[in-house]
Amino acid sequence: MGTGTVLAVCAAGRDVVLKGIGPSAIDKRALSGRAEVGELGLVADHQRNRRHHGGVDQAVYAYSEPEARRWSEELGRELPYGWFGENLRIDGIGVSDAHVGEQWRVGDDGLVLEVTIPRVPCRTFAEWAGEPRWVKRFVNRADFGAYLRVLRPGTVAAGDTVEVIHRPGHGVTARHLLIGTDPDALRTLLAADDLPAKVRREATRILARSAPLDDAAGQGAAHNL
């Protein structure tokens, strides 16, 4: 089903103070050696606001190396590991296009992660990036990366293999949970019994947003009969 490689493991060793925001843990830096990962993410890391940037359903944030390179080329500057606030920079797997509920075995120390929701760009990220219209540009590109929950704790280090060991059949990706997808696929996703709360919330929101379009399409079809 696919394999990739962890290029870097990143954590915030200190807060950075952002104008109009205050202290933030977005400034992640690459770690050396193996890092312990528990239910709430990297033990060496911390989040200032666990409601939006942490908790069991957003324990680890991964970003794709090809997506990072595209931004680096567009912005004309180097974007080092951790710049996106990610814990894992990964190559070989399309992180934003990973399926919700997809499970990854990382390394050989037992770590298993599960894809939950995409990263939603916010004011903190915009201030950190220092680029004009950053949130809008990031949303338009839709290379969001993905949050993951920890199904089995372990350790991780740069160079570890990422192996996709399970992929559900609903077809809904992390990217789709922000830009929308086939309503029928979302209904299939929502039928799952063990869906994390944040995934259920996002899928329900996107489905509700698409409902007027479904109604309009149905009325159009009826009018044509």
C-alpha atoms as a PDB file:
ATOM      1  CA  MET A   1       0.000   0.000   0.000  1.00  0.00           C
ATOM      2  CA  GLY A   2       3.001   2.277   0.101  1.00  0.00           C
ATOM      3  CA  THR A   3       6.150   3.118   2.020  1.00  0.00           C
ATOM      4  CA  GLY A   4       7.977   6.323   2.813  1.00  0.00           C
ATOM      5  CA  THR A   5      10.817   7.644   4.934  1.00  0.00           C
ATOM      6  CA  VAL A   6      10.995   9.954   7.929  1.00  0.00           C
ATOM      7  CA  LEU A   7      13.423  12.716   6.942  1.00  0.00           C
ATOM      8  CA  ALA A   8      13.277  14.562  10.255  1.00  0.00           C
ATOM      9  CA  VAL A   9      11.658  14.405  13.680  1.00  0.00           C
ATOM     10  CA  CYS A  10      10.924  17.879  15.049  1.00  0.00           C
ATOM     11  CA  ALA A  11       9.877  19.374  18.368  1.00  0.00           C
ATOM     12  CA  ALA A  12       9.618  22.787  20.004  1.00  0.00           C
ATOM     13  CA  GLY A  13      12.415  23.224  22.506  1.00  0.00           C
ATOM     14  CA  ARG A  14      11.281  26.752  23.321  1.00  0.00           C
ATOM     15  CA  ASP A  15       8.429  29.131  22.573  1.00  0.00           C
ATOM     16  CA  VAL A  16       8.672  31.910  20.020  1.00  0.00           C
ATOM     17  CA  VAL A  17       6.801  35.163  20.676  1.00  0.00           C
ATOM     18  CA  LEU A  18       4.789  36.300  17.648  1.00  0.00           C
ATOM     19  CA  LYS A  19       3.423  39.803  17.155  1.00  0.00           C
ATOM     20  CA  GLY A  20      -0.271  39.971  18.022  1.00  0.00           C
ATOM     21  CA  ILE A  21      -0.243  36.308  19.026  1.00  0.00           C
ATOM     22  CA  GLY A  22       2.073  35.889  21.985  1.00  0.00           C
ATOM     23  CA  PRO A  23       4.038  32.746  22.861  1.00  0.00           C
ATOM     24  CA  SER A  24       3.755  29.897  20.350  1.00  0.00           C
ATOM     25  CA  ALA A  25       5.275  26.439  19.997  1.00  0.00           C
ATOM     26  CA  ILE A  26       5.209  26.563  16.194  1.00  0.00           C
ATOM     27  CA  ASP A  27       9.008  26.858  16.019  1.00  0.00           C
ATOM     28  CA  LYS A  28       9.885  23.162  15.699  1.00  0.00           C
ATOM     29  CA  ARG A  29      13.492  22.062  15.289  1.00  0.00           C
ATOM     30  CA  ALA A  30      14.926  18.746  14.073  1.00  0.00           C
ATOM     31  CA  LEU A  31      15.983  16.372  16.846  1.00  0.00           C
ATOM     32  CA  SER A  32      18.908  13.966  16.836  1.00  0.00           C
ATOM     33  CA  GLY A  33      18.563  10.356  17.931  1.00  0.00           C
ATOM     34  CA  ARG A  34      15.351   8.534  18.706  1.00  0.00           C
ATOM     35  CA  ALA A  35      12.372  10.414  20.123  1.00  0.00           C
ATOM     36  CA  GLU A  36       9.749   8.872  22.361  1.00  0.00           C
ATOM     37  CA  VAL A  37       6.147   9.100  21.172  1.00  0.00           C
ATOM     38  CA  GLY A  38       3.282   8.656  23.625  1.00  0.00           C
ATOM     39  CA  GLU A  39      -0.483   9.087  23.436  1.00  0.00           C
ATOM     40  CA  LEU A  40      -0.178  12.886  23.245  1.00  0.00           C
ATOM     41  CA  GLY A  41       2.679  12.936  20.748  1.00  0.00           C
ATOM     42  CA  LEU A  42       6.412  13.472  21.019  1.00  0.00           C
ATOM     43  CA  VAL A  43       7.434  13.579  24.654  1.00  0.00           C
ATOM     44  CA  ALA A  44      10.067  16.197  23.782  1.00  0.00           C
ATOM     45  CA  ASP A  45       7.465  18.476  22.175  1.00  0.00           C
ATOM     46  CA  HIS A  46       4.763  20.715  23.592  1.00  0.00           C
ATOM     47  CA  GLN A  47       1.779  22.716  22.364  1.00  0.00           C
ATOM     48  CA  ARG A  48       0.545  26.020  23.745  1.00  0.00           C
ATOM     49  CA  ASN A  49      -3.082  25.271  22.830  1.00  0.00           C
ATOM     50  CA  ARG A  50      -4.024  21.599  22.930  1.00  0.00           C
ATOM     51  CA  ARG A  51      -7.583  22.353  21.806  1.00  0.00           C
ATOM     52  CA  HIS A  52      -6.376  23.323  18.336  1.00  0.00           C
ATOM     53  CA  HIS A  53      -2.849  21.905  18.108  1.00  0.00           C
ATOM     54  CA  GLY A  54      -2.748  18.797  20.261  1.00  0.00           C
ATOM     55  CA  GLY A  55      -4.697  16.167  22.158  1.00  0.00           C
ATOM     56  CA  VAL A  56      -5.023  12.502  21.310  1.00  0.00           C
ATOM     57  CA  ASP A  57      -6.574  13.106  17.862  1.00  0.00           C
ATOM     58  CA  GLN A  58      -3.886  15.632  16.869  1.00  0.00           C
ATOM     59  CA  ALA A  59      -0.933  14.090  18.680  1.00  0.00           C
ATOM     60  CA  VAL A  60       1.525  14.152  15.761  1.00  0.00           C
ATOM     61  CA  TYR A  61       1.607  16.451  12.734  1.00  0.00           C
ATOM     62  CA  ALA A  62       3.222  15.220   9.514  1.00  0.00           C
ATOM     63  CA  TYR A  63       4.143  17.172   6.397  1.00  0.00           C
ATOM     64  CA  SER A  64       5.306  15.975   2.995  1.00  0.00           C
ATOM     65  CA  GLU A  65       8.749  16.804   1.646  1.00  0.00           C
ATOM     66  CA  PRO A  66       7.566  17.329  -1.976  1.00  0.00           C
ATOM     67  CA  GLU A  67       4.902  19.750  -0.739  1.00  0.00           C
ATOM     68  CA  ALA A  68       7.499  21.586   1.350  1.00  0.00           C
ATOM     69  CA  ARG A  69       9.813  21.838  -1.672  1.00  0.00           C
ATOM     70  CA  ARG A  70       7.039  23.351  -3.804  1.00  0.00           C
ATOM     71  CA  TRP A  71       6.506  26.052  -1.195  1.00  0.00           C
ATOM     72  CA  SER A  72      10.239  26.645  -0.900  1.00  0.00           C
ATOM     73  CA  GLU A  73      10.492  27.197  -4.662  1.00  0.00           C
ATOM     74  CA  GLU A  74       7.476  29.499  -4.720  1.00  0.00           C
ATOM     75  CA  LEU A  75       8.620  31.590  -1.756  1.00  0.00           C
ATOM     76  CA  GLY A  76      12.244  31.633  -2.888  1.00  0.00           C
ATOM     77  CA  ARG A  77      13.706  30.630   0.449  1.00  0.00           C
ATOM     78  CA  GLU A  78      14.724  27.568   2.384  1.00  0.00           C
ATOM     79  CA  LEU A  79      12.051  26.059   4.603  1.00  0.00           C
ATOM     80  CA  PRO A  80      13.939  23.863   7.083  1.00  0.00           C
ATOM     81  CA  TYR A  81      12.566  20.792   8.780  1.00  0.00           C
ATOM     82  CA  GLY A  82       9.971  21.908  11.314  1.00  0.00           C
ATOM     83  CA  TRP A  83       9.115  25.185   9.542  1.00  0.00           C
ATOM     84  CA  PHE A  84       5.514  24.092   8.985  1.00  0.00           C
ATOM     85  CA  GLY A  85       5.214  23.244  12.668  1.00  0.00           C
ATOM     86  CA  GLU A  86       5.426  19.592  11.756  1.00  0.00           C
ATOM     87  CA  ASN A  87       6.694  16.808  13.985  1.00  0.00           C
ATOM     88  CA  LEU A  88       7.526  14.525  11.069  1.00  0.00           C
ATOM     89  CA  ARG A  89       8.822  15.544   7.631  1.00  0.00           C
ATOM     90  CA  ILE A  90       8.087  12.569   5.405  1.00  0.00           C
ATOM     91  CA  ASP A  91       9.123  11.628   1.884  1.00  0.00           C
ATOM     92  CA  GLY A  92       7.563   8.960  -0.330  1.00  0.00           C
ATOM     93  CA  ILE A  93       4.003   9.203   1.011  1.00  0.00           C
ATOM     94  CA  GLY A  94       1.482  11.843  -0.035  1.00  0.00           C
ATOM     95  CA  VAL A  95       0.577  13.028   3.448  1.00  0.00           C
ATOM     96  CA  SER A  96      -2.240  15.399   2.473  1.00  0.00           C
ATOM     97  CA  ASP A  97      -3.713  12.633   0.317  1.00  0.00           C
ATOM     98  CA  ALA A  98      -3.474   9.937   2.980  1.00  0.00           C
ATOM     99  CA  HIS A  99      -6.861   8.405   3.700  1.00  0.00           C
ATOM    100  CA  VAL A 100      -8.580   9.250   6.960  1.00  0.00           C
ATOM    101  CA  GLY A 101      -8.112   6.202   9.186  1.00  0.00           C
ATOM    102  CA  GLU A 102      -5.040   5.068   7.260  1.00  0.00           C
ATOM    103  CA  GLN A 103      -2.529   3.444   9.614  1.00  0.00           C
ATOM    104  CA  TRP A 104       1.252   3.762   9.439  1.00  0.00           C
ATOM    105  CA  ARG A 105       3.877   1.561  11.037  1.00  0.00           C
ATOM    106  CA  VAL A 106       6.871   3.811  11.671  1.00  0.00           C
ATOM    107  CA  GLY A 107      10.315   2.346  12.286  1.00  0.00           C
ATOM    108  CA  ASP A 108      10.876  -0.934  14.108  1.00  0.00           C
ATOM    109  CA  ASP A 109      10.099   0.072  17.692  1.00  0.00           C
ATOM    110  CA  GLY A 110       6.363  -0.572  17.547  1.00  0.00           C
ATOM    111  CA  LEU A 111       5.100   2.925  16.708  1.00  0.00           C
ATOM    112  CA  VAL A 112       1.759   2.900  14.850  1.00  0.00           C
ATOM    113  CA  LEU A 113      -0.002   6.119  13.816  1.00  0.00           C
ATOM    114  CA  GLU A 114      -3.438   6.764  12.304  1.00  0.00           C
ATOM    115  CA  VAL A 115      -4.387   9.666  10.026  1.00  0.00           C
ATOM    116  CA  THR A 116      -7.156  11.857  11.482  1.00  0.00           C
ATOM    117  CA  ILE A 117      -7.645  15.407  10.148  1.00  0.00           C
ATOM    118  CA  PRO A 118      -5.781  18.007   8.066  1.00  0.00           C
ATOM    119  CA  ARG A 119      -4.015  21.017   9.518  1.00  0.00           C
ATOM    120  CA  VAL A 120      -6.181  24.150   9.437  1.00  0.00           C
ATOM    121  CA  PRO A 121      -4.022  27.251   8.839  1.00  0.00           C
ATOM    122  CA  CYS A 122      -4.516  29.960  11.453  1.00  0.00           C
ATOM    123  CA  ARG A 123      -3.301  33.437  12.472  1.00  0.00           C
ATOM    124  CA  THR A 124      -0.346  31.937  14.309  1.00  0.00           C
ATOM    125  CA  PHE A 125       0.842  30.166  11.153  1.00  0.00           C
ATOM    126  CA  ALA A 126       0.295  33.340   9.110  1.00  0.00           C
ATOM    127  CA  GLU A 127       2.347  35.460  11.503  1.00  0.00           C
ATOM    128  CA  TRP A 128       5.079  32.815  11.627  1.00  0.00           C
ATOM    129  CA  ALA A 129       5.258  32.564   7.812  1.00  0.00           C
ATOM    130  CA  GLY A 130       5.417  36.326   7.319  1.00  0.00           C
ATOM    131  CA  GLU A 131       4.058  35.979   3.784  1.00  0.00           C
ATOM    132  CA  PRO A 132       1.224  38.085   2.304  1.00  0.00           C
ATOM    133  CA  ARG A 133      -2.215  36.426   2.288  1.00  0.00           C
ATOM    134  CA  TRP A 134      -0.603  33.300   3.674  1.00  0.00           C
ATOM    135  CA  VAL A 135      -3.714  31.567   5.017  1.00  0.00           C
ATOM    136  CA  LYS A 136      -5.594  32.033   1.735  1.00  0.00           C
ATOM    137  CA  ARG A 137      -2.615  30.831  -0.290  1.00  0.00           C
ATOM    138  CA  PHE A 138      -2.123  27.803   1.933  1.00  0.00           C
ATOM    139  CA  VAL A 139      -5.803  26.875   1.665  1.00  0.00           C
ATOM    140  CA  ASN A 140      -5.822  27.377  -2.109  1.00  0.00           C
ATOM    141  CA  ARG A 141      -2.817  25.083  -2.510  1.00  0.00           C
ATOM    142  CA  ALA A 142      -4.506  22.566  -0.169  1.00  0.00           C
ATOM    143  CA  ASP A 143      -1.225  20.927   0.837  1.00  0.00           C
ATOM    144  CA  PHE A 144      -2.353  20.766   4.440  1.00  0.00           C
ATOM    145  CA  GLY A 145      -0.410  17.825   5.813  1.00  0.00           C
ATOM    146  CA  ALA A 146      -2.154  15.583   8.321  1.00  0.00           C
ATOM    147  CA  TYR A 147      -2.561  15.080  12.034  1.00  0.00           C
ATOM    148  CA  LEU A 148      -2.238  11.599  13.430  1.00  0.00           C
ATOM    149  CA  ARG A 149      -3.260   9.831  16.589  1.00  0.00           C
ATOM    150  CA  VAL A 150      -1.005   7.304  18.280  1.00  0.00           C
ATOM    151  CA  LEU A 151      -2.433   3.797  18.160  1.00  0.00           C
ATOM    152  CA  ARG A 152       0.714   2.214  19.595  1.00  0.00           C
ATOM    153  CA  PRO A 153       3.453   4.204  21.354  1.00  0.00           C
ATOM    154  CA  GLY A 154       7.091   3.776  20.421  1.00  0.00           C
ATOM    155  CA  THR A 155      10.050   5.800  19.263  1.00  0.00           C
ATOM    156  CA  VAL A 156      10.908   7.479  15.969  1.00  0.00           C
ATOM    157  CA  ALA A 157      14.039   8.841  14.327  1.00  0.00           C
ATOM    158  CA  ALA A 158      15.125  10.288  11.012  1.00  0.00           C
ATOM    159  CA  GLY A 159      15.657   7.458   8.539  1.00  0.00           C
ATOM    160  CA  ASP A 160      12.793   5.314   9.826  1.00  0.00           C
ATOM    161  CA  THR A 161      10.592   3.625   7.252  1.00  0.00           C
ATOM    162  CA  VAL A 162       6.909   4.571   7.151  1.00  0.00           C
ATOM    163  CA  GLU A 163       4.769   1.652   5.995  1.00  0.00           C
ATOM    164  CA  VAL A 164       1.049   1.946   5.244  1.00  0.00           C
ATOM    165  CA  ILE A 165      -0.421  -1.135   6.941  1.00  0.00           C
ATOM    166  CA  HIS A 166      -4.119  -0.322   6.641  1.00  0.00           C
ATOM    167  CA  ARG A 167      -6.179   1.836   4.317  1.00  0.00           C
ATOM    168  CA  PRO A 168      -9.984   2.034   4.701  1.00  0.00           C
ATOM    169  CA  GLY A 169     -12.164   1.871   1.619  1.00  0.00           C
ATOM    170  CA  HIS A 170     -14.186   5.095   1.954  1.00  0.00           C
ATOM    171  CA  GLY A 171     -11.786   7.146  -0.212  1.00  0.00           C
ATOM    172  CA  VAL A 172     -11.870  10.277   1.974  1.00  0.00           C
ATOM    173  CA  THR A 173      -8.433  11.868   2.334  1.00  0.00           C
ATOM    174  CA  ALA A 174      -7.119  14.382   4.838  1.00  0.00           C
ATOM    175  CA  ARG A 175      -7.206  16.986   2.054  1.00  0.00           C
ATOM    176  CA  HIS A 176     -10.894  16.258   1.402  1.00  0.00           C
ATOM    177  CA  LEU A 177     -11.821  17.147   4.971  1.00  0.00           C
ATOM    178  CA  LEU A 178     -11.097  20.792   4.204  1.00  0.00           C
ATOM    179  CA  ILE A 179     -11.881  21.167   0.509  1.00  0.00           C
ATOM    180  CA  GLY A 180     -14.846  18.761   0.361  1.00  0.00           C
ATOM    181  CA  THR A 181     -15.415  15.465  -1.444  1.00  0.00           C
ATOM    182  CA  ASP A 182     -18.145  13.122  -2.631  1.00  0.00           C
ATOM    183  CA  PRO A 183     -20.986  13.310  -0.059  1.00  0.00           C
ATOM    184  CA  ASP A 184     -21.547   9.561  -0.368  1.00  0.00           C
ATOM    185  CA  ALA A 185     -17.927   8.940   0.628  1.00  0.00           C
ATOM    186  CA  LEU A 186     -18.371  11.190   3.662  1.00  0.00           C
ATOM    187  CA  ARG A 187     -21.483   9.268   4.687  1.00  0.00           C
ATOM    188  CA  THR A 188     -19.514   6.030   4.434  1.00  0.00           C
ATOM    189  CA  LEU A 189     -16.797   7.557   6.605  1.00  0.00           C
ATOM    190  CA  LEU A 190     -19.325   8.717   9.198  1.00  0.00           C
ATOM    191  CA  ALA A 191     -20.784   5.213   9.411  1.00  0.00           C
ATOM    192  CA  ALA A 192     -17.597   3.958  11.075  1.00  0.00           C
ATOM    193  CA  ASP A 193     -18.085   3.070  14.747  1.00  0.00           C
ATOM    194  CA  ASP A 194     -14.642   4.055  16.028  1.00  0.00           C
ATOM    195  CA  LEU A 195     -14.274   7.412  14.261  1.00  0.00           C
ATOM    196  CA  PRO A 196     -12.291   9.952  16.335  1.00  0.00           C
ATOM    197  CA  ALA A 197     -14.378  12.879  17.559  1.00  0.00           C
ATOM    198  CA  LYS A 198     -12.490  15.501  15.555  1.00  0.00           C
ATOM    199  CA  VAL A 199     -12.835  13.468  12.349  1.00  0.00           C
ATOM    200  CA  ARG A 200     -16.573  13.069  12.899  1.00  0.00           C
ATOM    201  CA  ARG A 201     -16.899  16.826  13.507  1.00  0.00           C
ATOM    202  CA  GLU A 202     -15.019  17.778  10.317  1.00  0.00           C
ATOM    203  CA  ALA A 203     -16.794  15.215   8.136  1.00  0.00           C
ATOM    204  CA  THR A 204     -20.182  16.331   9.458  1.00  0.00           C
ATOM    205  CA  ARG A 205     -19.314  19.979   8.788  1.00  0.00           C
ATOM    206  CA  ILE A 206     -18.224  19.293   5.195  1.00  0.00           C
ATOM    207  CA  LEU A 207     -21.300  17.128   4.555  1.00  0.00           C
ATOM    208  CA  ALA A 208     -23.583  19.887   5.850  1.00  0.00           C
ATOM    209  CA  ARG A 209     -21.823  22.410   3.609  1.00  0.00           C
ATOM    210  CA  SER A 210     -22.446  20.202   0.558  1.00  0.00           C
ATOM    211  CA  ALA A 211     -26.127  19.597   1.374  1.00  0.00           C
ATOM    212  CA  PRO A 212     -27.433  22.717  -0.476  1.00  0.00           C
ATOM    213  CA  LEU A 213     -25.540  21.596  -3.568  1.00  0.00           C
ATOM    214  CA  ASP A 214     -27.114  18.136  -3.321  1.00  0.00           C
ATOM    215  CA  ASP A 215     -30.588  19.695  -2.970  1.00  0.00           C
ATOM    216  CA  ALA A 216     -30.031  21.966  -5.956  1.00  0.00           C
ATOM    217  CA  ALA A 217     -28.848  19.049  -8.071  1.00  0.00           C
ATOM    218  CA  GLY A 218     -31.867  17.011  -7.046  1.00  0.00           C
ATOM    219  CA  GLN A 219     -34.285  19.815  -7.868  1.00  0.00           C
ATOM    220  CA  GLY A 220     -32.633  20.282 -11.243  1.00  0.00           C
ATOM    221  CA  ALA A 221     -32.989  16.595 -12.018  1.00  0.00           C
ATOM    222  CA  ALA A 222     -36.657  16.648 -10.983  1.00  0.00           C
ATOM    223  CA  HIS A 223     -37.302  19.697 -13.158  1.00  0.00           C
ATOM    224  CA  ASN A 224     -35.857  17.874 -16.149  1.00  0.00           C
ATOM    225  CA  LEU A 225     -38.266  14.934 -15.796  1.00  0.00           C
END
